[in-house]
Amino acid sequence: MPNDLFDNSLVRFTSIELDDANVALSKWGHKMGPLHRGNQGAVCFGLFYRDDLVAVATTSYLISAVVGGGLKHLTRENCCELSRLCASRAGLCRVALRLWREFVLPSLGFRFAISYQDADLHNGNTYRFDGWKRVGRSKSGPDTRSGRAGRDKWIWMWEANQ
């Protein structure tokens, strides 16, 4: 085998800027669109194949003091939200999710992570097949920025050190 195949990484998972994550979310048609949460910011990671960004995972602090759906034990202090997960092609969301949960989540210092899955748009298999637990259901109010109607969402949870 030629050695030049091993001179550069084929794949890497590394931190990226929120602006870069948002460009990818728009380009790939994420149903919730770019991540805009006021001045909260986000911790964003991208999966690259050679120099091409092929998947993103963004982490945000909880907006509410506790997670919706009556899950009062999940608070801003012990839980973060995987706020966006998106990829340029099928199958790569699973890769990005696993890398995020194995390496990013532990580095953030939270015991729990949650992610909201639109009950009408997705079947939840990405989370289910990765070992997350479906722990609740939530309905959001209308989006104040876009006027878009609220959605029914499943709440998925990962507990660190399972």
Foldseek 3Di string as FASTA:
>chain_A
DDPVVVPDDQKDKAWDALVVVQVVCVVQVPVVHRDDDDPQGWTKIFMDGRNDTFKMWIKTFDPDQADPFPRRVHGSVAEIEREDIDGNDPPVSLVVVLCCQVPVVVVVRHQKYKYKAFPVPDDCCSLVVSPWDFDGKDWDQADPVPRHGITIITMTMDGPPD
